[in-house]
Amino acid sequence: LRCLRQADVVVYDRLVDARLLAEAPPAARRVY
């Protein structure tokens, strides 16, 4: 969770809960 909250880019899989993606900084790029 600490790593996720400091991410610039999050590359995530199909089974990752959307609530976890919300933990990344608002400006972080999210790539499915």
All heavy atoms as atom14 arrays in JSON, in Angstrom:
{
  "sequence": "LRCLRQADVVVYDRLVDARLLAEAPPAARRVY",
  "atom14_mask": [
    [1, 1, 1, 1, 1, 1, 1, 1, 0, 0, 0, 0, 0, 0],
    [1, 1, 1, 1, 1, 1, 1, 1, 1, 1, 1, 0, 0, 0],
    [1, 1, 1, 1, 1, 1, 0, 0, 0, 0, 0, 0, 0, 0],
    [1, 1, 1, 1, 1, 1, 1, 1, 0, 0, 0, 0, 0, 0],
    [1, 1, 1, 1, 1, 1, 1, 1, 1, 1, 1, 0, 0, 0],
    [1, 1, 1, 1, 1, 1, 1, 1, 1, 0, 0, 0, 0, 0],
    [1, 1, 1, 1, 1, 0, 0, 0, 0, 0, 0, 0, 0, 0],
    [1, 1, 1, 1, 1, 1, 1, 1, 0, 0, 0, 0, 0, 0],
    [1, 1, 1, 1, 1, 1, 1, 0, 0, 0, 0, 0, 0, 0],
    [1, 1, 1, 1, 1, 1, 1, 0, 0, 0, 0, 0, 0, 0],
    [1, 1, 1, 1, 1, 1, 1, 0, 0, 0, 0, 0, 0, 0],
    [1, 1, 1, 1, 1, 1, 1, 1, 1, 1, 1, 1, 0, 0],
    [1, 1, 1, 1, 1, 1, 1, 1, 0, 0, 0, 0, 0, 0],
    [1, 1, 1, 1, 1, 1, 1, 1, 1, 1, 1, 0, 0, 0],
    [1, 1, 1, 1, 1, 1, 1, 1, 0, 0, 0, 0, 0, 0],
    [1, 1, 1, 1, 1, 1, 1, 0, 0, 0, 0, 0, 0, 0],
    [1, 1, 1, 1, 1, 1, 1, 1, 0, 0, 0, 0, 0, 0],
    [1, 1, 1, 1, 1, 0, 0, 0, 0, 0, 0, 0, 0, 0],
    [1, 1, 1, 1, 1, 1, 1, 1, 1, 1, 1, 0, 0, 0],
    [1, 1, 1, 1, 1, 1, 1, 1, 0, 0, 0, 0, 0, 0],
    [1, 1, 1, 1, 1, 1, 1, 1, 0, 0, 0, 0, 0, 0],
    [1, 1, 1, 1, 1, 0, 0, 0, 0, 0, 0, 0, 0, 0],
    [1, 1, 1, 1, 1, 1, 1, 1, 1, 0, 0, 0, 0, 0],
    [1, 1, 1, 1, 1, 0, 0, 0, 0, 0, 0, 0, 0, 0],
    [1, 1, 1, 1, 1, 1, 1, 0, 0, 0, 0, 0, 0, 0],
    [1, 1, 1, 1, 1, 1, 1, 0, 0, 0, 0, 0, 0, 0],
    [1, 1, 1, 1, 1, 0, 0, 0, 0, 0, 0, 0, 0, 0],
    [1, 1, 1, 1, 1, 0, 0, 0, 0, 0, 0, 0, 0, 0],
    [1, 1, 1, 1, 1, 1, 1, 1, 1, 1, 1, 0, 0, 0],
    [1, 1, 1, 1, 1, 1, 1, 1, 1, 1, 1, 0, 0, 0],
    [1, 1, 1, 1, 1, 1, 1, 0, 0, 0, 0, 0, 0, 0],
    [1, 1, 1, 1, 1, 1, 1, 1, 1, 1, 1, 1, 0, 0]
  ],
  "atom14_positions": [
    [[0.83, -1.2, 0.0], [0.0, 0.0, 0.0], [0.87, 1.25, 0.0], [0.56, 2.24, -0.68], [-0.93, -0.01, 1.22], [-2.0, 1.06, 1.27], [-2.92, 0.99, 0.06], [-2.82, 0.93, 2.57], [0.0, 0.0, 0.0], [0.0, 0.0, 0.0], [0.0, 0.0, 0.0], [0.0, 0.0, 0.0], [0.0, 0.0, 0.0], [0.0, 0.0, 0.0]],
    [[1.98, 1.21, 0.74], [2.88, 2.35, 0.78], [3.49, 2.62, -0.6], [3.58, 3.77, -1.04], [3.98, 2.1, 1.81], [4.87, 3.31, 2.1], [5.91, 2.98, 3.13], [5.28, 2.57, 4.39], [5.76, 1.62, 5.18], [6.84, 0.94, 4.82], [5.15, 1.33, 6.31], [0.0, 0.0, 0.0], [0.0, 0.0, 0.0], [0.0, 0.0, 0.0]],
    [[3.89, 1.57, -1.29], [4.42, 1.74, -2.64], [3.36, 2.33, -3.57], [3.63, 3.23, -4.37], [4.89, 0.4, -3.19], [6.37, -0.27, -2.4], [0.0, 0.0, 0.0], [0.0, 0.0, 0.0], [0.0, 0.0, 0.0], [0.0, 0.0, 0.0], [0.0, 0.0, 0.0], [0.0, 0.0, 0.0], [0.0, 0.0, 0.0], [0.0, 0.0, 0.0]],
    [[2.15, 1.81, -3.46], [1.06, 2.25, -4.32], [0.79, 3.74, -4.12], [0.53, 4.48, -5.09], [-0.19, 1.43, -4.02], [-1.43, 1.65, -4.89], [-1.12, 1.4, -6.36], [-2.55, 0.73, -4.42], [0.0, 0.0, 0.0], [0.0, 0.0, 0.0], [0.0, 0.0, 0.0], [0.0, 0.0, 0.0], [0.0, 0.0, 0.0], [0.0, 0.0, 0.0]],
    [[0.87, 4.21, -2.9], [0.57, 5.61, -2.59], [1.67, 6.56, -3.07], [1.48, 7.77, -3.04], [0.33, 5.76, -1.09], [-1.0, 5.17, -0.66], [-1.16, 5.15, 0.85], [-2.51, 4.72, 1.23], [-2.86, 4.4, 2.48], [-1.96, 4.47, 3.46], [-4.1, 4.04, 2.74], [0.0, 0.0, 0.0], [0.0, 0.0, 0.0], [0.0, 0.0, 0.0]],
    [[2.82, 6.01, -3.48], [3.91, 6.85, -3.99], [4.13, 6.65, -5.49], [5.08, 7.17, -6.04], [5.2, 6.53, -3.23], [5.12, 6.87, -1.75], [6.47, 6.82, -1.07], [7.5, 6.76, -1.72], [6.46, 6.83, 0.26], [0.0, 0.0, 0.0], [0.0, 0.0, 0.0], [0.0, 0.0, 0.0], [0.0, 0.0, 0.0], [0.0, 0.0, 0.0]],
    [[3.23, 5.94, -6.14], [3.43, 5.59, -7.55], [3.21, 6.76, -8.49], [2.34, 7.6, -8.27], [2.5, 4.44, -7.93], [0.0, 0.0, 0.0], [0.0, 0.0, 0.0], [0.0, 0.0, 0.0], [0.0, 0.0, 0.0], [0.0, 0.0, 0.0], [0.0, 0.0, 0.0], [0.0, 0.0, 0.0], [0.0, 0.0, 0.0], [0.0, 0.0, 0.0]],
    [[4.02, 6.79, -9.54], [3.78, 7.69, -10.67], [2.97, 6.98, -11.75], [2.21, 7.61, -12.48], [5.11, 8.15, -11.28], [5.96, 8.93, -10.3], [5.42, 9.85, -9.66], [7.16, 8.61, -10.16], [0.0, 0.0, 0.0], [0.0, 0.0, 0.0], [0.0, 0.0, 0.0], [0.0, 0.0, 0.0], [0.0, 0.0, 0.0], [0.0, 0.0, 0.0]],
    [[3.17, 5.66, -11.84], [2.48, 4.83, -12.83], [2.04, 3.54, -12.16], [2.83, 2.92, -11.43], [3.4, 4.49, -14.03], [2.65, 3.65, -15.05], [3.94, 5.76, -14.67], [0.0, 0.0, 0.0], [0.0, 0.0, 0.0], [0.0, 0.0, 0.0], [0.0, 0.0, 0.0], [0.0, 0.0, 0.0], [0.0, 0.0, 0.0], [0.0, 0.0, 0.0]],
    [[0.8, 3.13, -12.38], [0.3, 1.85, -11.86], [-0.14, 1.01, -13.05], [-1.03, 1.41, -13.82], [-0.89, 2.05, -10.9], [-1.37, 0.69, -10.37], [-0.51, 2.97, -9.75], [0.0, 0.0, 0.0], [0.0, 0.0, 0.0], [0.0, 0.0, 0.0], [0.0, 0.0, 0.0], [0.0, 0.0, 0.0], [0.0, 0.0, 0.0], [0.0, 0.0, 0.0]],
    [[0.49, -0.15, -13.22], [0.13, -1.1, -14.27], [-0.58, -2.26, -13.57], [0.05, -3.0, -12.82], [1.37, -1.58, -15.04], [0.95, -2.51, -16.18], [2.16, -0.4, -15.58], [0.0, 0.0, 0.0], [0.0, 0.0, 0.0], [0.0, 0.0, 0.0], [0.0, 0.0, 0.0], [0.0, 0.0, 0.0], [0.0, 0.0, 0.0], [0.0, 0.0, 0.0]],
    [[-1.88, -2.4, -13.79], [-2.66, -3.29, -12.94], [-3.37, -4.39, -13.74], [-3.64, -4.25, -14.93], [-3.69, -2.51, -12.13], [-4.75, -1.8, -12.95], [-6.01, -2.36, -13.12], [-4.5, -0.56, -13.54], [-7.01, -1.72, -13.85], [-5.49, 0.09, -14.27], [-6.73, -0.49, -14.42], [-7.7, 0.14, -15.15], [0.0, 0.0, 0.0], [0.0, 0.0, 0.0]],
    [[-3.68, -5.48, -13.03], [-4.3, -6.65, -13.63], [-5.82, -6.64, -13.47], [-6.39, -5.82, -12.73], [-3.72, -7.92, -13.0], [-2.36, -8.28, -13.55], [-1.96, -7.69, -14.58], [-1.67, -9.14, -12.96], [0.0, 0.0, 0.0], [0.0, 0.0, 0.0], [0.0, 0.0, 0.0], [0.0, 0.0, 0.0], [0.0, 0.0, 0.0], [0.0, 0.0, 0.0]],
    [[-6.45, -7.6, -14.12], [-7.91, -7.68, -14.18], [-8.56, -7.84, -12.82], [-9.64, -7.3, -12.57], [-8.31, -8.87, -15.07], [-9.81, -9.14, -15.19], [-10.1, -10.21, -16.22], [-9.6, -11.51, -15.84], [-10.32, -12.46, -15.26], [-11.6, -12.25, -14.98], [-9.8, -13.63, -14.96], [0.0, 0.0, 0.0], [0.0, 0.0, 0.0], [0.0, 0.0, 0.0]],
    [[-7.94, -8.56, -11.9], [-8.57, -8.89, -10.64], [-8.25, -7.9, -9.53], [-8.63, -8.14, -8.38], [-8.17, -10.31, -10.21], [-8.55, -11.42, -11.2], [-8.09, -12.77, -10.69], [-10.05, -11.41, -11.47], [0.0, 0.0, 0.0], [0.0, 0.0, 0.0], [0.0, 0.0, 0.0], [0.0, 0.0, 0.0], [0.0, 0.0, 0.0], [0.0, 0.0, 0.0]],
    [[-7.58, -6.81, -9.84], [-7.27, -5.8, -8.83], [-8.51, -4.97, -8.52], [-9.16, -4.44, -9.43], [-6.11, -4.9, -9.3], [-5.93, -3.71, -8.36], [-4.82, -5.7, -9.39], [0.0, 0.0, 0.0], [0.0, 0.0, 0.0], [0.0, 0.0, 0.0], [0.0, 0.0, 0.0], [0.0, 0.0, 0.0], [0.0, 0.0, 0.0], [0.0, 0.0, 0.0]],
    [[-8.85, -4.84, -7.25], [-10.03, -4.1, -6.83], [-9.86, -2.61, -7.12], [-8.79, -2.02, -6.88], [-10.24, -4.32, -5.33], [-11.62, -3.87, -4.87], [-11.84, -2.65, -4.79], [-12.47, -4.74, -4.57], [0.0, 0.0, 0.0], [0.0, 0.0, 0.0], [0.0, 0.0, 0.0], [0.0, 0.0, 0.0], [0.0, 0.0, 0.0], [0.0, 0.0, 0.0]],
    [[-10.91, -1.97, -7.62], [-10.86, -0.55, -7.95], [-10.55, 0.31, -6.74], [-9.98, 1.4, -6.87], [-12.19, -0.12, -8.57], [0.0, 0.0, 0.0], [0.0, 0.0, 0.0], [0.0, 0.0, 0.0], [0.0, 0.0, 0.0], [0.0, 0.0, 0.0], [0.0, 0.0, 0.0], [0.0, 0.0, 0.0], [0.0, 0.0, 0.0], [0.0, 0.0, 0.0]],
    [[-10.89, -0.17, -5.56], [-10.61, 0.61, -4.35], [-9.11, 0.72, -4.09], [-8.65, 1.71, -3.51], [-11.33, -0.01, -3.15], [-12.83, 0.22, -3.16], [-13.54, -0.61, -2.12], [-13.54, -2.02, -2.46], [-14.14, -2.97, -1.73], [-14.77, -2.63, -0.61], [-14.12, -4.23, -2.11], [0.0, 0.0, 0.0], [0.0, 0.0, 0.0], [0.0, 0.0, 0.0]],
    [[-8.34, -0.26, -4.55], [-6.89, -0.15, -4.43], [-6.34, 0.88, -5.41], [-5.43, 1.64, -5.08], [-6.23, -1.51, -4.68], [-6.23, -2.49, -3.52], [-5.52, -3.77, -3.91], [-5.56, -1.87, -2.29], [0.0, 0.0, 0.0], [0.0, 0.0, 0.0], [0.0, 0.0, 0.0], [0.0, 0.0, 0.0], [0.0, 0.0, 0.0], [0.0, 0.0, 0.0]],
    [[-6.87, 0.91, -6.61], [-6.42, 1.89, -7.59], [-6.64, 3.31, -7.07], [-5.87, 4.23, -7.36], [-7.15, 1.71, -8.92], [-6.88, 0.39, -9.65], [-7.71, 0.32, -10.92], [-5.4, 0.22, -9.95], [0.0, 0.0, 0.0], [0.0, 0.0, 0.0], [0.0, 0.0, 0.0], [0.0, 0.0, 0.0], [0.0, 0.0, 0.0], [0.0, 0.0, 0.0]],
    [[-7.68, 3.51, -6.29], [-7.97, 4.83, -5.74], [-6.93, 5.27, -4.71], [-6.86, 6.46, -4.38], [-9.36, 4.83, -5.1], [0.0, 0.0, 0.0], [0.0, 0.0, 0.0], [0.0, 0.0, 0.0], [0.0, 0.0, 0.0], [0.0, 0.0, 0.0], [0.0, 0.0, 0.0], [0.0, 0.0, 0.0], [0.0, 0.0, 0.0], [0.0, 0.0, 0.0]],
    [[-6.12, 4.32, -4.23], [-5.08, 4.66, -3.26], [-3.86, 5.3, -3.91], [-3.05, 5.93, -3.24], [-4.64, 3.41, -2.49], [-5.71, 2.81, -1.59], [-6.0, 3.69, -0.38], [-5.13, 4.51, -0.01], [-7.09, 3.54, 0.2], [0.0, 0.0, 0.0], [0.0, 0.0, 0.0], [0.0, 0.0, 0.0], [0.0, 0.0, 0.0], [0.0, 0.0, 0.0]],
    [[-3.71, 5.16, -5.21], [-2.6, 5.81, -5.91], [-2.86, 7.31, -5.98], [-4.01, 7.75, -5.94], [-2.46, 5.23, -7.32], [0.0, 0.0, 0.0], [0.0, 0.0, 0.0], [0.0, 0.0, 0.0], [0.0, 0.0, 0.0], [0.0, 0.0, 0.0], [0.0, 0.0, 0.0], [0.0, 0.0, 0.0], [0.0, 0.0, 0.0], [0.0, 0.0, 0.0]],
    [[-1.81, 8.11, -6.09], [-2.01, 9.57, -6.19], [-2.93, 9.91, -7.36], [-2.9, 9.23, -8.4], [-0.58, 10.09, -6.42], [0.31, 9.05, -5.82], [-0.38, 7.74, -6.08], [0.0, 0.0, 0.0], [0.0, 0.0, 0.0], [0.0, 0.0, 0.0], [0.0, 0.0, 0.0], [0.0, 0.0, 0.0], [0.0, 0.0, 0.0], [0.0, 0.0, 0.0]],
    [[-3.73, 10.95, -7.23], [-4.65, 11.32, -8.32], [-3.96, 11.53, -9.65], [-4.54, 11.22, -10.71], [-5.28, 12.62, -7.8], [-5.19, 12.53, -6.32], [-3.9, 11.81, -6.04], [0.0, 0.0, 0.0], [0.0, 0.0, 0.0], [0.0, 0.0, 0.0], [0.0, 0.0, 0.0], [0.0, 0.0, 0.0], [0.0, 0.0, 0.0], [0.0, 0.0, 0.0]],
    [[-2.74, 12.04, -9.62], [-2.03, 12.32, -10.87], [-1.35, 11.1, -11.47], [-0.81, 11.17, -12.58], [-1.0, 13.42, -10.64], [0.0, 0.0, 0.0], [0.0, 0.0, 0.0], [0.0, 0.0, 0.0], [0.0, 0.0, 0.0], [0.0, 0.0, 0.0], [0.0, 0.0, 0.0], [0.0, 0.0, 0.0], [0.0, 0.0, 0.0], [0.0, 0.0, 0.0]],
    [[-1.34, 9.98, -10.74], [-0.65, 8.79, -11.24], [-1.34, 8.25, -12.49], [-2.58, 8.22, -12.56], [-0.61, 7.72, -10.16], [0.0, 0.0, 0.0], [0.0, 0.0, 0.0], [0.0, 0.0, 0.0], [0.0, 0.0, 0.0], [0.0, 0.0, 0.0], [0.0, 0.0, 0.0], [0.0, 0.0, 0.0], [0.0, 0.0, 0.0], [0.0, 0.0, 0.0]],
    [[-0.55, 7.82, -13.43], [-1.11, 7.19, -14.63], [-1.49, 5.76, -14.31], [-0.71, 5.02, -13.7], [-0.07, 7.22, -15.76], [-0.56, 6.58, -17.05], [0.55, 6.56, -18.09], [0.13, 5.84, -19.28], [0.96, 5.47, -20.26], [2.24, 5.78, -20.19], [0.51, 4.8, -21.31], [0.0, 0.0, 0.0], [0.0, 0.0, 0.0], [0.0, 0.0, 0.0]],
    [[-2.68, 5.35, -14.71], [-3.16, 3.99, -14.48], [-3.3, 3.29, -15.82], [-4.02, 3.76, -16.7], [-4.5, 4.03, -13.73], [-4.38, 4.55, -12.29], [-5.7, 5.09, -11.77], [-5.65, 5.45, -10.36], [-5.17, 6.6, -9.88], [-4.67, 7.5, -10.74], [-5.16, 6.84, -8.58], [0.0, 0.0, 0.0], [0.0, 0.0, 0.0], [0.0, 0.0, 0.0]],
    [[-2.62, 2.14, -15.95], [-2.59, 1.4, -17.21], [-3.14, 0.01, -16.98], [-2.61, -0.76, -16.16], [-1.16, 1.3, -17.78], [-1.17, 0.55, -19.11], [-0.55, 2.68, -17.95], [0.0, 0.0, 0.0], [0.0, 0.0, 0.0], [0.0, 0.0, 0.0], [0.0, 0.0, 0.0], [0.0, 0.0, 0.0], [0.0, 0.0, 0.0], [0.0, 0.0, 0.0]],
    [[-4.22, -0.33, -17.66], [-4.82, -1.66, -17.53], [-4.04, -2.67, -18.37], [-3.82, -2.47, -19.57], [-6.28, -1.63, -17.97], [-6.96, -2.98, -17.9], [-7.15, -3.61, -16.68], [-7.4, -3.62, -19.06], [-7.78, -4.85, -16.61], [-8.03, -4.85, -18.99], [-8.21, -5.47, -17.76], [-8.83, -6.69, -17.69], [0.0, 0.0, 0.0], [0.0, 0.0, 0.0]]
  ]
}
